[in-house]
Amino acid sequence: MLSDVIREPSGLVRSRRHPGVFWTHGDSGCEPYLHAIASDGALMKSVRVRGGSCSDWEDITTDDAGNLYIADTGNNMNVRRDLAVHRVPEPDPANVQAEVDIDRTYRIRYEEQRSFPDPSQLNFDAEALFWAKGHLYLLTKHRGDMHTSLLRIPEEAAVAEVALRPLGRFRVGGDGLQYGGMVTGADATDDGRFLAVLTYHALFVFEWTEQPDVYFARQLNRVDLRMSEVQQIESVAWDGWSVLLGNEDRKLYRLDNPFAARSDPFP
């Protein structure tokens, strides 16, 4: 269980610089803080992020160079025109640093969106961010169908707003009356070989195919979730060959060997 200091935790990623450390943050309307936690949820450090508001932070990821990326991309009603991903140098939870500055902001929009909101579809929300093979990616959360779209954020977005075009789509399925089709988190392994994609009803595991920007071609596993138990599940992070899952009620779940077939829904 996470500290009640963290309101509606929405993103989760394991640090590549500090062993045993994970980073998380709150959801829409939260104070702009990053929280360092242990794998059991114990709070280590809270660090204020200067230079950006928390409109609707949805996920967090890290690269190979010691940066954290925060997806301020929540867009439930598809009306936002200020979608952004913020980069900050990863703090050291062991020192006295209490604040960190945003050093780069990527400004984005959806190439396919024609109006705000777009009455023809409600598929311009993104709550899953991951770093792999030297690139930053988003996965969309759809309310108009059962799919998700893969989007890559180029470096040019740090200079001027960039319209993102889908690189691929995947049908996640589920019950349309029970939040089917809604991707809420994603994380890639450090080498980018495996990608975990989280929805309210299932966790999907994909493998890189050696083709640029292709992940959905090789699905390795699907682990069904008991929504009555995991509730509003929002975040996923690799921890070795296990994954940690987190929900908005501050509960953490560990799934060992997400590659294995299971006879019973998790957990």
Protein backbone atom coordinates (compact mmCIF):
# COMPACT_ATOMS: atom_id res chain seq x y z
CA MET A 1 0.00 0.00 0.00
CA LEU A 2 1.34 3.41 -0.98
CA SER A 3 1.45 6.39 1.34
CA ASP A 4 -1.71 8.52 1.41
CA VAL A 5 0.56 11.43 0.45
CA ILE A 6 0.23 10.07 -3.10
CA ARG A 7 -3.28 10.86 -4.29
CA GLU A 8 -4.65 8.63 -7.07
CA PRO A 9 -1.28 7.23 -8.21
CA SER A 10 -1.31 6.92 -11.97
CA GLY A 11 2.20 6.13 -13.25
CA LEU A 12 5.02 3.83 -12.19
CA VAL A 13 8.54 3.11 -13.40
CA ARG A 14 11.62 1.42 -11.96
CA SER A 15 14.73 3.59 -11.74
CA ARG A 16 17.65 2.52 -13.92
CA ARG A 17 20.09 4.51 -11.77
CA HIS A 18 19.09 3.70 -8.20
CA PRO A 19 18.52 0.01 -7.32
CA GLY A 20 15.27 -0.74 -5.55
CA VAL A 21 13.72 2.64 -6.37
CA PHE A 22 10.48 3.21 -8.28
CA TRP A 23 8.94 6.56 -9.24
CA THR A 24 5.25 7.37 -9.15
CA HIS A 25 2.98 10.44 -9.18
CA GLY A 26 -0.61 11.52 -8.73
CA ASP A 27 -3.38 11.92 -11.32
CA SER A 28 -5.33 14.93 -12.61
CA GLY A 29 -5.27 18.00 -10.41
CA CYS A 30 -2.46 16.64 -8.26
CA GLU A 31 0.38 18.70 -6.86
CA PRO A 32 3.41 18.48 -9.18
CA TYR A 33 5.41 15.95 -7.16
CA LEU A 34 7.34 12.82 -8.03
CA HIS A 35 7.51 10.19 -5.31
CA ALA A 36 10.31 7.66 -4.89
CA ILE A 37 9.01 4.40 -3.43
CA ALA A 38 10.27 0.90 -2.71
CA SER A 39 8.76 -2.16 -4.39
CA ASP A 40 6.56 -2.70 -1.33
CA GLY A 41 5.18 0.83 -1.62
CA ALA A 42 7.18 2.42 1.20
CA LEU A 43 7.73 6.13 0.55
CA MET A 44 11.39 7.17 0.27
CA LYS A 45 11.27 10.73 -1.03
CA SER A 46 8.93 13.30 -2.54
CA VAL A 47 10.37 15.83 -4.99
CA ARG A 48 8.55 18.86 -6.33
CA VAL A 49 8.69 19.41 -10.11
CA ARG A 50 9.22 23.06 -10.96
CA GLY A 51 8.27 24.65 -14.26
CA GLY A 52 5.07 22.82 -15.10
CA SER A 53 1.59 22.28 -13.74
CA CYS A 54 -0.08 18.93 -13.24
CA SER A 55 -3.06 19.21 -15.58
CA ASP A 56 -3.50 15.44 -15.91
CA TRP A 57 -0.34 13.41 -15.34
CA GLU A 58 -0.93 9.86 -16.48
CA ASP A 59 2.34 7.92 -16.74
CA ILE A 60 6.08 8.11 -16.23
CA THR A 61 9.06 6.47 -17.88
CA THR A 62 12.87 6.66 -17.90
CA ASP A 63 15.61 6.52 -20.52
CA ASP A 64 19.19 5.25 -20.52
CA ALA A 65 20.68 8.66 -19.75
CA GLY A 66 19.14 9.29 -16.33
CA ASN A 67 16.04 11.26 -17.31
CA LEU A 68 12.44 10.82 -16.23
CA TYR A 69 9.55 11.65 -18.58
CA ILE A 70 6.12 12.64 -17.27
CA ALA A 71 3.10 12.30 -19.58
CA ASP A 72 0.76 15.26 -19.03
CA THR A 73 -1.48 13.71 -21.66
CA GLY A 74 -4.69 12.82 -19.84
CA ASN A 75 -7.57 13.94 -22.07
CA ASN A 76 -10.74 12.17 -20.98
CA MET A 77 -13.10 14.49 -22.86
CA ASN A 78 -10.73 14.99 -25.83
CA VAL A 79 -10.80 18.79 -25.45
CA ARG A 80 -7.22 19.61 -24.44
CA ARG A 81 -4.90 21.62 -26.70
CA ASP A 82 -1.93 21.64 -24.32
CA LEU A 83 -0.80 18.01 -24.33
CA ALA A 84 2.82 17.62 -23.26
CA VAL A 85 5.50 15.26 -21.99
CA HIS A 86 7.98 16.80 -19.54
CA ARG A 87 11.56 15.64 -19.03
CA VAL A 88 13.41 16.06 -15.73
CA PRO A 89 16.82 14.80 -14.60
CA GLU A 90 16.18 11.90 -12.23
CA PRO A 91 16.75 12.98 -8.60
CA ASP A 92 18.71 10.89 -6.11
CA PRO A 93 16.29 9.78 -3.37
CA ALA A 94 19.20 9.54 -0.92
CA ASN A 95 20.15 13.23 -0.99
CA VAL A 96 18.42 16.32 0.34
CA GLN A 97 17.20 17.57 -3.04
CA ALA A 98 13.57 18.67 -2.65
CA GLU A 99 12.92 20.13 -6.10
CA VAL A 100 13.80 19.34 -9.70
CA ASP A 101 13.38 21.51 -12.80
CA ILE A 102 11.80 20.49 -16.10
CA ASP A 103 14.60 20.76 -18.65
CA ARG A 104 12.62 19.85 -21.77
CA THR A 105 8.96 19.77 -22.79
CA TYR A 106 7.60 17.87 -25.80
CA ARG A 107 4.38 19.42 -27.13
CA ILE A 108 2.09 17.16 -29.11
CA ARG A 109 -1.30 16.80 -30.72
CA TYR A 110 -3.10 14.09 -32.67
CA GLU A 111 -2.92 14.30 -36.45
CA GLU A 112 -6.27 12.51 -36.81
CA GLN A 113 -8.19 14.81 -34.46
CA ARG A 114 -10.33 17.31 -36.34
CA SER A 115 -12.19 19.08 -33.54
CA PHE A 116 -12.15 19.41 -29.73
CA PRO A 117 -13.83 17.15 -28.89
CA ASP A 118 -14.10 15.20 -32.11
CA PRO A 119 -17.75 14.05 -32.30
CA SER A 120 -16.85 11.14 -34.57
CA GLN A 121 -14.67 9.41 -31.99
CA LEU A 122 -13.30 9.72 -28.45
CA ASN A 123 -9.89 8.15 -29.02
CA PHE A 124 -7.55 11.07 -28.30
CA ASP A 125 -6.51 10.28 -24.75
CA ALA A 126 -3.15 8.72 -23.77
CA GLU A 127 -2.36 7.23 -20.37
CA ALA A 128 0.58 4.95 -21.28
CA LEU A 129 4.13 6.20 -21.88
CA PHE A 130 7.28 4.12 -22.39
CA TRP A 131 10.88 4.43 -23.60
CA ALA A 132 12.39 1.76 -25.86
CA LYS A 133 15.19 1.47 -28.40
CA GLY A 134 16.08 5.15 -28.03
CA HIS A 135 12.58 6.50 -28.58
CA LEU A 136 9.65 7.77 -26.54
CA TYR A 137 6.22 6.23 -27.21
CA LEU A 138 2.60 6.76 -26.21
CA LEU A 139 -0.32 4.32 -26.34
CA THR A 140 -3.80 5.79 -26.64
CA LYS A 141 -6.81 5.05 -24.44
CA HIS A 142 -9.97 4.72 -26.53
CA ARG A 143 -13.59 5.33 -25.64
CA GLY A 144 -14.85 5.00 -29.20
CA ASP A 145 -13.63 1.47 -29.94
CA MET A 146 -11.60 -1.43 -28.48
CA HIS A 147 -8.22 -0.45 -29.91
CA THR A 148 -5.08 1.37 -28.89
CA SER A 149 -2.74 3.27 -31.21
CA LEU A 150 1.05 3.37 -30.94
CA LEU A 151 2.56 6.87 -31.31
CA ARG A 152 6.24 7.89 -31.30
CA ILE A 153 7.26 11.30 -29.98
CA PRO A 154 10.15 12.76 -32.02
CA GLU A 155 12.81 15.10 -30.66
CA GLU A 156 11.35 17.84 -32.85
CA ALA A 157 8.44 18.08 -30.42
CA ALA A 158 10.80 19.80 -27.96
CA VAL A 159 11.11 22.72 -30.40
CA ALA A 160 7.60 23.03 -31.81
CA GLU A 161 4.31 21.18 -31.43
CA VAL A 162 4.22 17.98 -33.47
CA ALA A 163 1.16 16.14 -34.80
CA LEU A 164 1.49 12.45 -33.98
CA ARG A 165 0.45 9.82 -36.52
CA PRO A 166 -0.41 6.23 -35.46
CA LEU A 167 2.35 3.73 -36.23
CA GLY A 168 0.13 0.74 -35.53
CA ARG A 169 -3.06 -0.32 -33.82
CA PHE A 170 -3.96 -3.25 -31.60
CA ARG A 171 -7.37 -4.48 -30.48
CA VAL A 172 -7.24 -5.01 -26.73
CA GLY A 173 -10.86 -6.19 -26.53
CA GLY A 174 -12.79 -6.48 -23.29
CA ASP A 175 -16.35 -5.69 -22.30
CA GLY A 176 -17.44 -2.36 -23.74
CA LEU A 177 -19.69 -1.78 -20.73
CA GLN A 178 -16.83 -2.52 -18.31
CA TYR A 179 -14.05 -0.26 -19.61
CA GLY A 180 -13.00 -2.59 -22.41
CA GLY A 181 -10.50 -1.18 -24.87
CA MET A 182 -8.90 1.20 -22.39
CA VAL A 183 -5.11 1.10 -22.08
CA THR A 184 -3.99 2.66 -18.79
CA GLY A 185 -0.25 1.98 -18.63
CA ALA A 186 2.77 0.52 -20.38
CA ASP A 187 6.43 -0.23 -19.71
CA ALA A 188 9.29 -1.73 -21.71
CA THR A 189 12.20 -3.73 -20.36
CA ASP A 190 15.53 -1.92 -20.19
CA ASP A 191 16.69 -3.47 -23.48
CA GLY A 192 13.35 -2.68 -25.15
CA ARG A 193 12.79 -6.32 -26.04
CA PHE A 194 9.54 -6.82 -24.14
CA LEU A 195 6.59 -4.46 -23.70
CA ALA A 196 3.89 -4.77 -21.04
CA VAL A 197 0.58 -3.08 -21.89
CA LEU A 198 -2.01 -2.68 -19.13
CA THR A 199 -5.78 -2.33 -19.49
CA TYR A 200 -8.50 -2.46 -16.87
CA HIS A 201 -9.20 -6.08 -17.73
CA ALA A 202 -5.88 -7.59 -18.85
CA LEU A 203 -2.12 -7.32 -19.12
CA PHE A 204 -0.58 -7.97 -22.55
CA VAL A 205 3.07 -8.84 -23.19
CA PHE A 206 4.65 -8.19 -26.61
CA GLU A 207 8.11 -8.84 -28.02
CA TRP A 208 10.15 -6.53 -30.28
CA THR A 209 10.31 -7.82 -33.84
CA GLU A 210 13.51 -6.04 -34.98
CA GLN A 211 11.37 -3.84 -37.22
CA PRO A 212 11.35 -0.16 -36.20
CA ASP A 213 8.23 0.92 -34.29
CA VAL A 214 6.67 -2.56 -34.48
CA TYR A 215 5.49 -4.14 -31.24
CA PHE A 216 2.03 -5.53 -31.86
CA ALA A 217 3.09 -8.19 -34.38
CA ARG A 218 4.33 -10.61 -31.73
CA GLN A 219 2.03 -11.03 -28.73
CA LEU A 220 3.53 -13.44 -26.20
CA ASN A 221 0.87 -13.54 -23.52
CA ARG A 222 -2.32 -12.12 -22.11
CA VAL A 223 -3.04 -12.24 -18.37
CA ASP A 224 -6.65 -11.58 -17.43
CA LEU A 225 -7.34 -9.42 -14.38
CA ARG A 226 -10.18 -9.65 -11.89
CA MET A 227 -11.57 -6.15 -12.08
CA SER A 228 -13.54 -6.74 -8.89
CA GLU A 229 -10.21 -7.13 -7.07
CA VAL A 230 -7.73 -4.89 -8.84
CA GLN A 231 -10.31 -2.10 -9.29
CA GLN A 232 -9.12 0.89 -11.34
CA ILE A 233 -5.69 -0.46 -12.29
CA GLU A 234 -3.53 2.34 -13.70
CA SER A 235 0.18 1.56 -13.78
CA VAL A 236 2.70 -1.14 -14.67
CA ALA A 237 6.48 -1.38 -14.25
CA TRP A 238 8.97 -4.16 -14.95
CA ASP A 239 11.00 -5.34 -11.96
CA GLY A 240 13.38 -7.93 -13.34
CA TRP A 241 11.19 -10.61 -14.92
CA SER A 242 8.22 -9.63 -12.77
CA VAL A 243 5.88 -6.69 -13.13
CA LEU A 244 4.38 -4.43 -10.51
CA LEU A 245 0.84 -3.17 -11.04
CA GLY A 246 -0.71 -0.26 -9.19
CA ASN A 247 -4.28 1.00 -8.82
CA GLU A 248 -5.75 4.37 -7.89
CA ASP A 249 -6.48 3.14 -4.34
CA ARG A 250 -2.68 3.01 -3.74
CA LYS A 251 -2.48 -0.81 -3.80
CA LEU A 252 0.40 -2.62 -5.49
CA TYR A 253 0.30 -6.12 -6.97
CA ARG A 254 3.23 -8.23 -8.15
CA LEU A 255 2.90 -10.63 -11.07
CA ASP A 256 5.78 -13.07 -11.31
CA ASN A 257 6.63 -14.38 -14.77
CA PRO A 258 4.07 -12.52 -16.88
CA PHE A 259 5.16 -14.66 -19.84
CA ALA A 260 3.58 -17.81 -18.39
CA ALA A 261 0.11 -19.13 -19.23
CA ARG A 262 -2.29 -18.95 -16.28
CA SER A 263 -5.34 -21.02 -15.51
CA ASP A 264 -6.88 -18.43 -13.19
CA PRO A 265 -7.26 -14.69 -13.66
CA PHE A 266 -4.72 -12.61 -11.76
CA PRO A 267 -4.45 -11.90 -8.88
